Amino acid sequence: MPTSSLLVIGWQERVDLPLLGLTNLRAKIDTGARTSALHATDIEEFDRDGEHWVRFHTRFDDDAHDTDVECRIHDRREITNTSGVPEVRIVIRTKFRIAGRLWTIDLSLAERTEMKFRMIVGRTALRRHKIVVHPGKRNLTTSMSLTKPHTRNAS
């Protein structure tokens, strides 16, 4: 694979979750984590048109208010938390964008209020997308991004 086709990102980047209406989110790129995680509180499950859905609140450091999100539940998985304790989490599937590249990822929902980063991008989300993580740099893709500060889409 030619190195020119690789995207080099830092250990911290700004990313978008456009289907959830969330843009310019500060995320930690964590290749030590298998699964990506998104901060979620007040998680409620419900049925819509015969499918299992979830409603939750999320808040990011530079956000003055909670953002309400609703989406279809993709799966439930046992995921080891940062303390090494396995827990069953709801997993959603959504679009992920970094440096203008867009693809689908799975995100587990976890309460991350006490964590420095409200979103973790794990190695499974990066696999097969020609990405290299530079552990000594951060925000390498910020100038490549055309995003605005994160907001809930008015759709």
Protein backbone atom coordinates (compact mmCIF):
# COMPACT_ATOMS: atom_id res chain seq x y z
CA MET A 1 0.00 0.00 0.00
CA PRO A 2 1.54 3.35 -0.95
CA THR A 3 2.05 5.63 2.04
CA SER A 4 0.54 8.54 0.12
CA SER A 5 -2.90 6.92 0.46
CA LEU A 6 -2.61 6.86 4.27
CA LEU A 7 -4.34 9.47 6.40
CA VAL A 8 -2.24 10.40 9.43
CA ILE A 9 -4.31 11.47 12.42
CA GLY A 10 -3.35 12.45 15.95
CA TRP A 11 -4.28 10.83 19.26
CA GLN A 12 -6.96 13.54 19.63
CA GLU A 13 -9.09 14.75 16.72
CA ARG A 14 -12.35 16.54 15.89
CA VAL A 15 -14.91 14.18 14.36
CA ASP A 16 -18.54 14.23 13.20
CA LEU A 17 -21.49 11.90 13.72
CA PRO A 18 -23.72 13.48 11.05
CA LEU A 19 -26.69 11.09 11.33
CA LEU A 20 -26.91 11.95 15.02
CA GLY A 21 -26.63 15.66 14.28
CA LEU A 22 -23.32 15.94 16.16
CA THR A 23 -20.34 17.69 14.58
CA ASN A 24 -16.90 18.88 15.60
CA LEU A 25 -16.71 16.54 18.59
CA ARG A 26 -13.44 16.28 20.50
CA ALA A 27 -12.54 12.57 20.46
CA LYS A 28 -9.66 10.49 21.72
CA ILE A 29 -8.30 8.08 19.13
CA ASP A 30 -7.65 5.02 21.28
CA THR A 31 -6.15 2.05 19.45
CA GLY A 32 -6.04 0.24 22.80
CA ALA A 33 -9.84 0.19 22.81
CA ARG A 34 -11.56 -2.26 20.49
CA THR A 35 -14.98 -0.58 20.47
CA SER A 36 -15.77 3.11 20.13
CA ALA A 37 -17.83 4.73 22.88
CA LEU A 38 -20.05 7.79 23.07
CA HIS A 39 -21.07 9.58 26.27
CA ALA A 40 -24.76 8.97 27.01
CA THR A 41 -27.01 9.63 29.99
CA ASP A 42 -30.74 9.16 30.61
CA ILE A 43 -30.73 6.15 28.27
CA GLU A 44 -34.26 4.98 27.45
CA GLU A 45 -35.17 2.09 25.18
CA PHE A 46 -38.41 2.12 23.20
CA ASP A 47 -40.04 0.46 20.19
CA ARG A 48 -40.73 2.27 16.93
CA ASP A 49 -42.37 0.51 13.98
CA GLY A 50 -41.45 -2.90 15.41
CA GLU A 51 -37.76 -2.03 15.92
CA HIS A 52 -35.81 -1.39 19.12
CA TRP A 53 -34.67 2.20 19.49
CA VAL A 54 -32.81 4.20 22.11
CA ARG A 55 -33.14 7.81 23.28
CA PHE A 56 -30.35 9.44 25.26
CA HIS A 57 -28.72 12.73 26.21
CA THR A 58 -25.14 13.57 25.38
CA ARG A 59 -23.02 16.56 26.39
CA PHE A 60 -19.56 17.62 25.30
CA ASP A 61 -17.09 19.83 27.13
CA ASP A 62 -17.73 22.96 25.09
CA ASP A 63 -21.49 22.43 24.98
CA ALA A 64 -23.73 24.45 27.27
CA HIS A 65 -26.61 22.00 27.07
CA ASP A 66 -27.50 18.34 26.63
CA THR A 67 -28.26 17.15 23.12
CA ASP A 68 -31.11 14.65 22.75
CA VAL A 69 -30.49 11.81 20.32
CA GLU A 70 -32.72 8.98 19.07
CA CYS A 71 -31.54 6.08 16.94
CA ARG A 72 -32.12 2.40 16.25
CA ILE A 73 -30.36 -0.09 18.51
CA HIS A 74 -27.93 -2.18 16.48
CA ASP A 75 -26.75 -4.64 19.14
CA ARG A 76 -25.97 -5.30 22.79
CA ARG A 77 -22.42 -6.33 23.61
CA GLU A 78 -20.31 -7.16 26.59
CA ILE A 79 -17.60 -4.50 26.60
CA THR A 80 -14.76 -4.14 29.07
CA ASN A 81 -14.84 -0.68 30.62
CA THR A 82 -11.81 1.45 31.51
CA SER A 83 -11.59 -0.27 34.92
CA GLY A 84 -11.34 -3.68 33.23
CA VAL A 85 -14.86 -4.73 34.24
CA PRO A 86 -17.10 -6.26 31.54
CA GLU A 87 -20.53 -4.65 31.14
CA VAL A 88 -23.35 -5.10 28.65
CA ARG A 89 -23.87 -1.95 26.60
CA ILE A 90 -26.26 -0.80 23.90
CA VAL A 91 -24.48 -0.41 20.56
CA ILE A 92 -25.70 1.89 17.82
CA ARG A 93 -24.50 2.02 14.22
CA THR A 94 -24.04 5.43 12.62
CA LYS A 95 -21.96 7.42 10.16
CA PHE A 96 -18.57 8.74 11.27
CA ARG A 97 -16.58 11.48 9.55
CA ILE A 98 -12.98 12.52 9.99
CA ALA A 99 -10.99 14.76 7.61
CA GLY A 100 -13.80 14.62 5.05
CA ARG A 101 -13.84 10.79 4.97
CA LEU A 102 -17.17 9.17 5.88
CA TRP A 103 -17.98 5.59 6.85
CA THR A 104 -20.17 3.55 9.22
CA ILE A 105 -19.04 2.66 12.75
CA ASP A 106 -20.49 0.98 15.81
CA LEU A 107 -20.64 3.04 19.02
CA SER A 108 -21.34 1.73 22.49
CA LEU A 109 -23.28 4.04 24.78
CA ALA A 110 -21.60 4.67 28.12
CA GLU A 111 -21.83 7.24 30.87
CA ARG A 112 -18.48 9.08 30.58
CA THR A 113 -19.13 12.17 32.73
CA GLU A 114 -15.95 11.66 34.75
CA MET A 115 -13.80 10.94 31.71
CA LYS A 116 -11.68 13.59 29.99
CA PHE A 117 -13.00 12.55 26.55
CA ARG A 118 -16.71 12.06 25.96
CA MET A 119 -15.98 10.03 22.82
CA ILE A 120 -13.43 7.30 22.23
CA VAL A 121 -12.69 6.07 18.70
CA GLY A 122 -11.51 2.48 18.95
CA ARG A 123 -9.39 0.46 16.56
CA THR A 124 -12.34 -1.39 14.98
CA ALA A 125 -13.70 1.95 13.70
CA LEU A 126 -10.36 2.72 12.03
CA ARG A 127 -9.63 -0.70 10.57
CA ARG A 128 -9.63 -0.91 6.75
CA HIS A 129 -9.66 2.87 6.27
CA LYS A 130 -5.95 3.51 5.61
CA ILE A 131 -5.43 5.48 8.80
CA VAL A 132 -2.26 5.79 10.85
CA VAL A 133 -2.33 7.31 14.34
CA HIS A 134 0.59 9.57 15.28
CA PRO A 135 0.76 9.20 19.10
CA GLY A 136 2.74 12.43 19.58
CA LYS A 137 0.38 14.74 17.67
CA ARG A 138 -3.19 15.90 17.98
CA ASN A 139 -5.72 17.70 15.77
CA LEU A 140 -3.85 16.90 12.56
CA THR A 141 -7.11 16.80 10.58
CA THR A 142 -8.70 19.98 11.95
CA SER A 143 -7.65 22.08 8.96
CA MET A 144 -8.99 19.35 6.63
CA SER A 145 -12.42 19.38 8.26
CA LEU A 146 -15.22 21.51 6.90
CA THR A 147 -17.35 21.10 10.02
CA LYS A 148 -18.99 23.74 12.12
CA PRO A 149 -19.26 23.59 15.93
CA HIS A 150 -21.36 20.61 16.98
CA THR A 151 -25.09 21.10 16.81
CA ARG A 152 -28.22 19.05 16.46
CA ASN A 153 -29.41 19.12 12.83
CA ALA A 154 -32.75 20.76 12.36
CA SER A 155 -34.13 17.93 10.26
